[in-house]
Amino acid sequence: MPEPTARLDQRLDTIARHPFRAKFHLRGRDRATAELTGPATLRRHAYDLIAKRLAPAEPYKDGRQTPYRGHPVFVAQHATATCCRSCLQRWHRIPKGRQLTRAERAYVVDVICRWIEREVAAGETSARHL
């Protein structure tokens, strides 16, 4: 069952108060990719990336498996503390050392996609004010 948007927004606002997480925003090519690709395709990409890079009990190169740029999902993972199993445990209380459940994978994708949605909307708002 998807987490309500208000609860996701509250969690994202809390995470965004952390100085490291607050530095991340969609810019340049990553922003353009998010805007051109669309939410449904980005959600599929997020599911695939999470399944390969985060869902295993012991992901390959855990803690270093997520690039800082190159895809909007990667940027979102750092901004939302869904980049590695340690961050998932610390910020989202999803324990390390076991494979993510289907519900946990869906939650992580919801968090990532909501962050991207908010970033794209914020960019559209600021562009209208120029």
C-alpha atoms as a PDB file:
ATOM      1  CA  MET A   1       0.000   0.000   0.000  1.00  0.00           C
ATOM      2  CA  PRO A   2       1.544   3.328  -1.045  1.00  0.00           C
ATOM      3  CA  GLU A   3       2.407   5.787   1.683  1.00  0.00           C
ATOM      4  CA  PRO A   4       0.194   8.917   1.658  1.00  0.00           C
ATOM      5  CA  THR A   5       1.765  11.893  -0.113  1.00  0.00           C
ATOM      6  CA  ALA A   6       1.557  14.109   2.978  1.00  0.00           C
ATOM      7  CA  ARG A   7       3.569  11.576   4.965  1.00  0.00           C
ATOM      8  CA  LEU A   8       6.146  11.265   2.187  1.00  0.00           C
ATOM      9  CA  ASP A   9       6.409  15.060   2.016  1.00  0.00           C
ATOM     10  CA  GLN A  10       6.907  15.254   5.780  1.00  0.00           C
ATOM     11  CA  ARG A  11       9.679  12.651   5.639  1.00  0.00           C
ATOM     12  CA  LEU A  12      11.331  14.402   2.678  1.00  0.00           C
ATOM     13  CA  ASP A  13      11.189  17.741   4.498  1.00  0.00           C
ATOM     14  CA  THR A  14      12.876  16.171   7.534  1.00  0.00           C
ATOM     15  CA  ILE A  15      15.630  14.598   5.438  1.00  0.00           C
ATOM     16  CA  ALA A  16      16.137  17.851   3.492  1.00  0.00           C
ATOM     17  CA  ARG A  17      17.065  19.646   6.729  1.00  0.00           C
ATOM     18  CA  HIS A  18      20.260  17.600   6.874  1.00  0.00           C
ATOM     19  CA  PRO A  19      23.030  19.756   5.336  1.00  0.00           C
ATOM     20  CA  PHE A  20      24.421  16.977   3.107  1.00  0.00           C
ATOM     21  CA  ARG A  21      20.993  15.986   1.763  1.00  0.00           C
ATOM     22  CA  ALA A  22      19.935  19.618   1.235  1.00  0.00           C
ATOM     23  CA  LYS A  23      22.680  20.105  -1.372  1.00  0.00           C
ATOM     24  CA  PHE A  24      21.008  17.815  -3.896  1.00  0.00           C
ATOM     25  CA  HIS A  25      18.744  19.231  -6.601  1.00  0.00           C
ATOM     26  CA  LEU A  26      17.950  18.230 -10.164  1.00  0.00           C
ATOM     27  CA  ARG A  27      20.083  20.335 -12.471  1.00  0.00           C
ATOM     28  CA  GLY A  28      21.175  20.333 -16.068  1.00  0.00           C
ATOM     29  CA  ARG A  29      20.976  17.030 -17.884  1.00  0.00           C
ATOM     30  CA  ASP A  30      19.441  15.199 -14.907  1.00  0.00           C
ATOM     31  CA  ARG A  31      16.602  17.757 -14.747  1.00  0.00           C
ATOM     32  CA  ALA A  32      16.068  17.570 -18.511  1.00  0.00           C
ATOM     33  CA  THR A  33      15.959  13.774 -18.335  1.00  0.00           C
ATOM     34  CA  ALA A  34      13.337  13.904 -15.584  1.00  0.00           C
ATOM     35  CA  GLU A  35      11.207  16.400 -17.487  1.00  0.00           C
ATOM     36  CA  LEU A  36      11.444  14.610 -20.842  1.00  0.00           C
ATOM     37  CA  THR A  37      11.188  11.034 -19.610  1.00  0.00           C
ATOM     38  CA  GLY A  38       8.064  11.484 -17.540  1.00  0.00           C
ATOM     39  CA  PRO A  39       6.974  10.010 -14.214  1.00  0.00           C
ATOM     40  CA  ALA A  40       5.904   6.544 -15.401  1.00  0.00           C
ATOM     41  CA  THR A  41       9.221   5.808 -17.111  1.00  0.00           C
ATOM     42  CA  LEU A  42      11.216   7.247 -14.196  1.00  0.00           C
ATOM     43  CA  ARG A  43       9.271   5.004 -11.820  1.00  0.00           C
ATOM     44  CA  ARG A  44      10.198   1.945 -13.914  1.00  0.00           C
ATOM     45  CA  HIS A  45      13.838   3.040 -13.942  1.00  0.00           C
ATOM     46  CA  ALA A  46      13.736   3.519 -10.168  1.00  0.00           C
ATOM     47  CA  TYR A  47      12.290   0.024  -9.642  1.00  0.00           C
ATOM     48  CA  ASP A  48      15.014  -1.497 -11.828  1.00  0.00           C
ATOM     49  CA  LEU A  49      17.838   0.427 -10.158  1.00  0.00           C
ATOM     50  CA  ILE A  50      16.593  -0.349  -6.646  1.00  0.00           C
ATOM     51  CA  ALA A  51      16.168  -4.036  -7.484  1.00  0.00           C
ATOM     52  CA  LYS A  52      19.742  -4.289  -8.740  1.00  0.00           C
ATOM     53  CA  ARG A  53      21.629  -1.867  -6.477  1.00  0.00           C
ATOM     54  CA  LEU A  54      19.784  -1.695  -3.157  1.00  0.00           C
ATOM     55  CA  ALA A  55      17.368  -4.597  -2.676  1.00  0.00           C
ATOM     56  CA  PRO A  56      19.893  -7.445  -2.167  1.00  0.00           C
ATOM     57  CA  ALA A  57      20.770  -8.329   1.425  1.00  0.00           C
ATOM     58  CA  GLU A  58      24.376  -7.328   0.761  1.00  0.00           C
ATOM     59  CA  PRO A  59      24.495  -5.052  -2.305  1.00  0.00           C
ATOM     60  CA  TYR A  60      27.705  -4.990  -4.314  1.00  0.00           C
ATOM     61  CA  LYS A  61      29.875  -2.060  -3.173  1.00  0.00           C
ATOM     62  CA  ASP A  62      27.259  -1.012  -0.594  1.00  0.00           C
ATOM     63  CA  GLY A  63      27.882   2.570   0.417  1.00  0.00           C
ATOM     64  CA  ARG A  64      29.527   3.351  -2.924  1.00  0.00           C
ATOM     65  CA  GLN A  65      27.083   1.856  -5.416  1.00  0.00           C
ATOM     66  CA  THR A  66      25.116   5.015  -6.203  1.00  0.00           C
ATOM     67  CA  PRO A  67      26.673   7.647  -8.510  1.00  0.00           C
ATOM     68  CA  TYR A  68      26.053  11.293  -7.650  1.00  0.00           C
ATOM     69  CA  ARG A  69      24.764  12.149 -11.123  1.00  0.00           C
ATOM     70  CA  GLY A  70      23.989  10.595 -14.474  1.00  0.00           C
ATOM     71  CA  HIS A  71      20.320   9.831 -13.855  1.00  0.00           C
ATOM     72  CA  PRO A  72      17.619  11.674 -11.881  1.00  0.00           C
ATOM     73  CA  VAL A  73      17.079   8.561  -9.742  1.00  0.00           C
ATOM     74  CA  PHE A  74      20.714   8.631  -8.566  1.00  0.00           C
ATOM     75  CA  VAL A  75      20.434  12.281  -7.498  1.00  0.00           C
ATOM     76  CA  ALA A  76      17.127  11.528  -5.774  1.00  0.00           C
ATOM     77  CA  GLN A  77      18.640   8.576  -3.921  1.00  0.00           C
ATOM     78  CA  HIS A  78      21.249  10.828  -2.304  1.00  0.00           C
ATOM     79  CA  ALA A  79      18.706  13.564  -1.575  1.00  0.00           C
ATOM     80  CA  THR A  80      16.317  11.082   0.055  1.00  0.00           C
ATOM     81  CA  ALA A  81      18.855   8.893   1.893  1.00  0.00           C
ATOM     82  CA  THR A  82      17.949   5.852  -0.192  1.00  0.00           C
ATOM     83  CA  CYS A  83      21.434   5.536  -1.696  1.00  0.00           C
ATOM     84  CA  CYS A  84      22.743   2.619   0.393  1.00  0.00           C
ATOM     85  CA  ARG A  85      21.620   0.191   3.059  1.00  0.00           C
ATOM     86  CA  SER A  86      23.232   2.213   5.881  1.00  0.00           C
ATOM     87  CA  CYS A  87      21.244   5.301   4.912  1.00  0.00           C
ATOM     88  CA  LEU A  88      18.078   3.238   4.539  1.00  0.00           C
ATOM     89  CA  GLN A  89      18.571   1.909   8.044  1.00  0.00           C
ATOM     90  CA  ARG A  90      19.418   5.278   9.588  1.00  0.00           C
ATOM     91  CA  TRP A  91      16.798   7.452   7.898  1.00  0.00           C
ATOM     92  CA  HIS A  92      14.007   5.029   7.004  1.00  0.00           C
ATOM     93  CA  ARG A  93      14.460   2.294   9.637  1.00  0.00           C
ATOM     94  CA  ILE A  94      14.802  -0.455   7.027  1.00  0.00           C
ATOM     95  CA  PRO A  95      17.319  -2.942   8.457  1.00  0.00           C
ATOM     96  CA  LYS A  96      20.490  -4.022   6.699  1.00  0.00           C
ATOM     97  CA  GLY A  97      21.519  -7.612   6.157  1.00  0.00           C
ATOM     98  CA  ARG A  98      18.393  -8.931   4.488  1.00  0.00           C
ATOM     99  CA  GLN A  99      16.765  -8.528   1.111  1.00  0.00           C
ATOM    100  CA  LEU A 100      14.231  -5.713   0.821  1.00  0.00           C
ATOM    101  CA  THR A 101      10.640  -6.867   0.770  1.00  0.00           C
ATOM    102  CA  ARG A 102       8.342  -5.964  -2.106  1.00  0.00           C
ATOM    103  CA  ALA A 103       6.646  -3.348   0.128  1.00  0.00           C
ATOM    104  CA  GLU A 104      10.015  -1.832   1.095  1.00  0.00           C
ATOM    105  CA  ARG A 105      11.089  -1.616  -2.550  1.00  0.00           C
ATOM    106  CA  ALA A 106       7.782   0.088  -3.394  1.00  0.00           C
ATOM    107  CA  TYR A 107       8.250   2.522  -0.499  1.00  0.00           C
ATOM    108  CA  VAL A 108      11.796   3.427  -1.625  1.00  0.00           C
ATOM    109  CA  VAL A 109      10.563   4.018  -5.179  1.00  0.00           C
ATOM    110  CA  ASP A 110       7.685   6.162  -3.857  1.00  0.00           C
ATOM    111  CA  VAL A 111      10.149   8.288  -1.869  1.00  0.00           C
ATOM    112  CA  ILE A 112      12.454   8.732  -4.875  1.00  0.00           C
ATOM    113  CA  CYS A 113       9.641   9.513  -7.303  1.00  0.00           C
ATOM    114  CA  ARG A 114       7.995  11.984  -4.937  1.00  0.00           C
ATOM    115  CA  TRP A 115      11.293  13.841  -4.519  1.00  0.00           C
ATOM    116  CA  ILE A 116      11.739  14.021  -8.306  1.00  0.00           C
ATOM    117  CA  GLU A 117       8.132  15.193  -8.712  1.00  0.00           C
ATOM    118  CA  ARG A 118       8.702  17.978  -6.177  1.00  0.00           C
ATOM    119  CA  GLU A 119      11.981  19.017  -7.849  1.00  0.00           C
ATOM    120  CA  VAL A 120      10.397  19.207 -11.301  1.00  0.00           C
ATOM    121  CA  ALA A 121       7.432  21.178  -9.917  1.00  0.00           C
ATOM    122  CA  ALA A 122       9.775  23.586  -8.096  1.00  0.00           C
ATOM    123  CA  GLY A 123      11.674  24.163 -11.333  1.00  0.00           C
ATOM    124  CA  GLU A 124       8.475  24.880 -13.210  1.00  0.00           C
ATOM    125  CA  THR A 125       7.364  27.334 -10.530  1.00  0.00           C
ATOM    126  CA  SER A 126      10.643  29.254 -10.567  1.00  0.00           C
ATOM    127  CA  ALA A 127      10.682  29.301 -14.396  1.00  0.00           C
ATOM    128  CA  ARG A 128       7.238  30.962 -14.418  1.00  0.00           C
ATOM    129  CA  HIS A 129       8.550  33.743 -12.181  1.00  0.00           C
ATOM    130  CA  LEU A 130      11.401  34.701 -14.531  1.00  0.00           C
END
